[in-house]
Amino acid sequence: MSAAPVRIPESLLPLAVPIDDLAEYHRNPRAGDVDAIADSLRVNGQYKTIVVNCGTHTGRPNEILAGNHTWAAAKQLGWEQIAATFIDVGDEAAARIVVVDNRTSDLAGYDSELLADILEELPNLDGTGYGQDDLDKLLDHRAMPATIDLPSDGQGTGAMAKLEYLQWGYLQWSSMRVQITAAEVETLNQIYERYTTENRGDLGFGWHLLQEAHTEAAEAPAVEVKTAPAGDEDEGHEDDEGQEDEDA
């Protein structure tokens, strides 16, 4: 018997069995992502056993009831052993176990904000089953912060003021995400609308925003030109004429 793979933790080693001695459940309704599970096994190892039916009552020996795709992923990785626990049930009980193992997973939900926080804290997403696109979607669905009540509106009316800049939107690149104000959202919308109108699409908008848009948005300060009143202009001419007469 070959040495157990290092990816099976020491606590599970007594339960390791030859992987080729097991068989997939004959009517598994679940379509799992074997590649994602294989990635998890590479990074995390096998952290829980699969469940195998001995088959005394079904006539199908060593049939996997829970963990079919984990077994397939381990075979894909070339593992020779996998940790398993064994039960011995008939067809009806076996079917119930297969169905409920999948169904309870389907019924489970997530605290999406907490999940996003956990994923953001990891140095990378390897072995989590999540990619950057998945994390981006979680971040996009984060609840916007509520407005903040301030003790005064600053006008001496006694009314509460609301600090709204925290609730308008986000600017995100990769896993970086910053909150932006209503005015900044409006400026971005104007830049985007102008760009898409001129280019008939938004391809290259990010590069445009980085390289050009910030200079377009910066306008030179207006210079106020004052013109002299009509009366002042006439007085100026009179002074000139008087000067000419005096010189003559």
Protein backbone atom coordinates (compact mmCIF):
# COMPACT_ATOMS: atom_id res chain seq x y z
CA MET A 1 0.00 0.00 0.00
CA SER A 2 1.48 3.36 -1.03
CA ALA A 3 2.14 6.16 1.44
CA ALA A 4 -0.79 8.43 2.17
CA PRO A 5 -0.75 11.81 0.38
CA VAL A 6 0.37 14.69 2.57
CA ARG A 7 -2.85 16.48 1.68
CA ILE A 8 -4.79 14.18 4.01
CA PRO A 9 -4.29 15.61 7.52
CA GLU A 10 -2.94 13.37 10.24
CA SER A 11 -6.27 13.24 12.04
CA LEU A 12 -7.93 11.71 8.96
CA LEU A 13 -5.15 9.32 7.98
CA PRO A 14 -6.66 6.33 9.87
CA LEU A 15 -9.73 6.71 7.60
CA ALA A 16 -7.78 6.81 4.32
CA VAL A 17 -8.70 4.10 1.79
CA PRO A 18 -7.57 3.37 -1.78
CA ILE A 19 -9.42 5.79 -4.02
CA ASP A 20 -9.98 3.21 -6.77
CA ASP A 21 -11.82 0.93 -4.32
CA LEU A 22 -14.74 3.39 -4.24
CA ALA A 23 -17.51 3.97 -6.78
CA GLU A 24 -19.61 7.01 -7.64
CA TYR A 25 -23.27 6.89 -6.64
CA HIS A 26 -25.15 5.29 -9.52
CA ARG A 27 -27.83 8.01 -9.79
CA ASN A 28 -26.22 11.18 -8.52
CA PRO A 29 -28.44 14.15 -9.50
CA ARG A 30 -25.82 16.70 -8.51
CA ALA A 31 -23.62 18.39 -11.14
CA GLY A 32 -20.67 19.73 -9.19
CA ASP A 33 -17.70 21.86 -10.19
CA VAL A 34 -14.92 19.28 -10.03
CA ASP A 35 -12.25 21.78 -11.08
CA ALA A 36 -13.14 24.14 -8.23
CA ILE A 37 -13.05 21.27 -5.73
CA ALA A 38 -9.70 20.12 -7.11
CA ASP A 39 -8.37 23.65 -6.58
CA SER A 40 -9.57 23.50 -2.98
CA LEU A 41 -7.90 20.13 -2.44
CA ARG A 42 -4.63 21.49 -3.81
CA VAL A 43 -4.71 24.50 -1.50
CA ASN A 44 -6.55 23.24 1.59
CA GLY A 45 -6.19 19.48 1.49
CA GLN A 46 -9.03 17.16 2.47
CA TYR A 47 -10.60 18.72 5.56
CA LYS A 48 -13.60 16.39 5.87
CA THR A 49 -14.33 12.79 4.96
CA ILE A 50 -16.58 11.56 2.21
CA VAL A 51 -19.40 9.16 3.14
CA VAL A 52 -19.45 5.68 1.60
CA ASN A 53 -22.14 2.99 1.72
CA CYS A 54 -20.76 -0.50 2.28
CA GLY A 55 -23.44 -1.90 -0.01
CA THR A 56 -24.47 -5.00 1.90
CA HIS A 57 -28.15 -4.13 1.39
CA THR A 58 -27.93 -2.56 -2.08
CA GLY A 59 -25.55 -4.91 -3.84
CA ARG A 60 -23.37 -1.95 -4.87
CA PRO A 61 -20.22 -2.10 -2.74
CA ASN A 62 -18.37 1.01 -1.59
CA GLU A 63 -20.77 3.46 -3.24
CA ILE A 64 -20.23 7.13 -2.37
CA LEU A 65 -23.29 8.87 -0.92
CA ALA A 66 -21.75 12.22 0.03
CA GLY A 67 -18.61 13.60 -1.60
CA ASN A 68 -18.86 12.21 -5.11
CA HIS A 69 -17.27 15.29 -6.64
CA THR A 70 -14.58 15.46 -3.98
CA TRP A 71 -13.67 11.89 -4.91
CA ALA A 72 -13.66 12.79 -8.62
CA ALA A 73 -11.48 15.84 -7.94
CA ALA A 74 -9.01 13.77 -5.92
CA LYS A 75 -8.78 11.26 -8.78
CA GLN A 76 -8.22 14.16 -11.18
CA LEU A 77 -5.29 15.26 -9.02
CA GLY A 78 -3.83 11.77 -9.08
CA TRP A 79 -4.48 10.97 -5.42
CA GLU A 80 -4.22 7.30 -4.52
CA GLN A 81 -6.12 7.53 -1.23
CA ILE A 82 -8.99 9.51 0.24
CA ALA A 83 -10.40 9.65 3.76
CA ALA A 84 -13.87 8.13 4.08
CA THR A 85 -16.38 7.10 6.70
CA PHE A 86 -18.56 4.06 6.05
CA ILE A 87 -22.22 3.30 6.72
CA ASP A 88 -24.35 0.37 5.58
CA VAL A 89 -27.89 1.25 4.46
CA GLY A 90 -30.45 0.10 1.93
CA ASP A 91 -31.54 1.78 -1.30
CA GLU A 92 -34.17 4.06 0.25
CA ALA A 93 -31.91 5.40 3.00
CA ALA A 94 -29.05 5.78 0.54
CA ALA A 95 -31.23 7.84 -1.80
CA ARG A 96 -32.41 10.04 1.05
CA ILE A 97 -28.85 10.71 2.16
CA VAL A 98 -27.74 11.61 -1.36
CA VAL A 99 -30.68 13.98 -1.85
CA VAL A 100 -30.54 15.70 1.55
CA ASP A 101 -26.77 16.17 1.39
CA ASN A 102 -27.25 18.19 -1.80
CA ARG A 103 -30.47 19.89 -0.70
CA THR A 104 -29.21 21.25 2.62
CA SER A 105 -26.37 22.88 0.70
CA ASP A 106 -28.89 24.47 -1.67
CA LEU A 107 -31.03 25.78 1.17
CA ALA A 108 -28.14 27.45 2.94
CA GLY A 109 -27.66 31.19 2.48
CA TYR A 110 -24.94 33.77 3.04
CA ASP A 111 -24.41 36.99 4.86
CA SER A 112 -23.07 38.55 1.67
CA GLU A 113 -21.42 41.53 3.37
CA LEU A 114 -19.61 39.31 5.87
CA LEU A 115 -18.57 36.96 3.08
CA ALA A 116 -17.18 39.90 1.08
CA ASP A 117 -15.28 41.10 4.15
CA ILE A 118 -13.74 37.65 4.70
CA LEU A 119 -12.70 37.31 1.06
CA GLU A 120 -11.23 40.82 1.02
CA GLU A 121 -9.09 40.00 4.05
CA LEU A 122 -7.46 37.00 2.37
CA PRO A 123 -4.17 37.62 0.54
CA ASN A 124 -5.64 35.87 -2.52
CA LEU A 125 -8.72 33.88 -3.50
CA ASP A 126 -6.93 30.58 -4.16
CA GLY A 127 -8.81 27.56 -2.87
CA THR A 128 -11.94 29.52 -1.90
CA GLY A 129 -14.05 28.64 -4.93
CA TYR A 130 -14.40 32.38 -5.61
CA GLY A 131 -12.77 34.46 -8.31
CA GLN A 132 -12.30 38.21 -8.62
CA ASP A 133 -15.53 38.54 -10.62
CA ASP A 134 -17.43 36.82 -7.81
CA LEU A 135 -15.93 39.17 -5.24
CA ASP A 136 -16.76 42.18 -7.43
CA LYS A 137 -20.41 41.11 -7.54
CA LEU A 138 -20.50 40.72 -3.77
CA LEU A 139 -19.03 44.18 -3.35
CA ASP A 140 -21.54 45.63 -5.81
CA HIS A 141 -24.40 44.30 -3.69
CA ARG A 142 -23.14 45.63 -0.41
CA ALA A 143 -25.74 47.76 1.35
CA MET A 144 -25.00 51.45 1.03
CA PRO A 145 -24.23 53.19 4.33
CA ALA A 146 -27.09 55.11 5.91
CA THR A 147 -27.05 58.89 6.16
CA ILE A 148 -25.49 60.30 9.29
CA ASP A 149 -27.50 62.73 11.41
CA LEU A 150 -25.54 65.73 12.62
CA PRO A 151 -26.62 67.74 15.67
CA SER A 152 -27.21 70.91 13.67
CA ASP A 153 -27.76 72.01 10.10
CA GLY A 154 -25.41 74.93 10.68
CA GLN A 155 -28.15 77.50 10.04
CA GLY A 156 -29.29 78.03 13.60
CA THR A 157 -32.69 76.50 12.90
CA GLY A 158 -32.33 73.67 15.39
CA ALA A 159 -32.93 71.15 12.59
CA MET A 160 -30.83 68.04 12.15
CA ALA A 161 -28.44 67.98 9.24
CA LYS A 162 -27.75 64.87 7.20
CA LEU A 163 -24.30 63.92 6.01
CA GLU A 164 -25.12 62.31 2.68
CA TYR A 165 -21.71 61.92 1.10
CA LEU A 166 -21.36 58.41 2.51
CA GLN A 167 -24.38 57.01 0.71
CA TRP A 168 -23.99 58.01 -2.92
CA GLY A 169 -21.79 55.40 -4.49
CA TYR A 170 -18.51 53.59 -4.86
CA LEU A 171 -15.53 53.72 -7.17
CA GLN A 172 -13.88 50.31 -7.49
CA TRP A 173 -10.85 48.84 -9.18
CA SER A 174 -9.69 45.28 -8.49
CA SER A 175 -10.48 44.76 -4.79
CA MET A 176 -10.02 48.45 -3.91
CA ARG A 177 -13.30 50.24 -3.20
CA VAL A 178 -13.80 53.85 -2.11
CA GLN A 179 -16.92 55.85 -1.44
CA ILE A 180 -17.61 58.91 -3.59
CA THR A 181 -19.87 61.91 -3.21
CA ALA A 182 -22.98 62.84 -5.13
CA ALA A 183 -21.07 65.59 -6.91
CA GLU A 184 -18.36 63.14 -7.92
CA VAL A 185 -20.97 60.69 -9.22
CA GLU A 186 -22.52 63.46 -11.31
CA THR A 187 -19.12 64.46 -12.71
CA LEU A 188 -18.36 60.85 -13.63
CA ASN A 189 -21.76 60.53 -15.30
CA GLN A 190 -21.13 63.64 -17.39
CA ILE A 191 -17.68 62.43 -18.45
CA TYR A 192 -19.08 58.99 -19.29
CA GLU A 193 -22.00 60.36 -21.32
CA ARG A 194 -19.71 62.65 -23.29
CA TYR A 195 -17.24 59.85 -23.95
CA THR A 196 -19.84 57.31 -25.06
CA THR A 197 -21.53 59.87 -27.30
CA GLU A 198 -18.27 60.78 -29.01
CA ASN A 199 -17.01 57.18 -29.28
CA ARG A 200 -20.32 55.34 -29.74
CA GLY A 201 -19.49 52.99 -26.89
CA ASP A 202 -17.53 52.78 -23.65
CA LEU A 203 -14.54 50.76 -24.87
CA GLY A 204 -11.42 52.44 -23.51
CA PHE A 205 -13.34 54.61 -21.04
CA GLY A 206 -11.15 53.56 -18.12
CA TRP A 207 -7.98 54.63 -19.93
CA HIS A 208 -9.65 57.86 -20.99
CA LEU A 209 -10.67 58.54 -17.39
CA LEU A 210 -7.14 57.98 -16.14
CA GLN A 211 -5.36 59.95 -18.85
CA GLU A 212 -7.65 62.72 -20.00
CA ALA A 213 -10.87 63.19 -18.14
CA HIS A 214 -9.36 64.81 -15.07
CA THR A 215 -7.87 67.55 -17.23
CA GLU A 216 -11.12 68.05 -19.13
CA ALA A 217 -13.04 68.51 -15.90
CA ALA A 218 -10.64 71.20 -14.66
CA GLU A 219 -11.84 74.52 -15.99
CA ALA A 220 -9.85 77.74 -15.93
CA PRO A 221 -11.25 80.29 -13.44
CA ALA A 222 -13.58 82.81 -15.03
CA VAL A 223 -12.13 86.30 -15.42
CA GLU A 224 -14.59 89.08 -14.78
CA VAL A 225 -14.25 91.92 -17.27
CA LYS A 226 -15.61 95.19 -16.04
CA THR A 227 -16.78 97.78 -18.54
CA ALA A 228 -17.03 101.43 -17.71
CA PRO A 229 -20.52 102.96 -17.55
CA ALA A 230 -21.59 105.01 -20.54
CA GLY A 231 -21.32 108.25 -18.59
CA ASP A 232 -17.78 107.52 -17.51
CA GLU A 233 -16.79 106.90 -21.11
CA ASP A 234 -18.12 110.28 -22.22
CA GLU A 235 -16.36 112.00 -19.38
CA GLY A 236 -13.15 110.41 -20.50
CA HIS A 237 -13.59 111.85 -24.00
CA GLU A 238 -14.33 115.28 -22.59
CA ASP A 239 -11.17 115.19 -20.56
CA ASP A 240 -9.20 114.23 -23.63
CA GLU A 241 -10.73 117.07 -25.63
CA GLY A 242 -10.05 119.51 -22.83
CA GLN A 243 -6.46 118.38 -22.73
CA GLU A 244 -6.15 118.85 -26.47
CA ASP A 245 -7.53 122.40 -26.26
CA GLU A 246 -5.19 123.25 -23.43
CA ASP A 247 -2.22 121.95 -25.39
CA ALA A 248 -3.27 123.96 -28.42
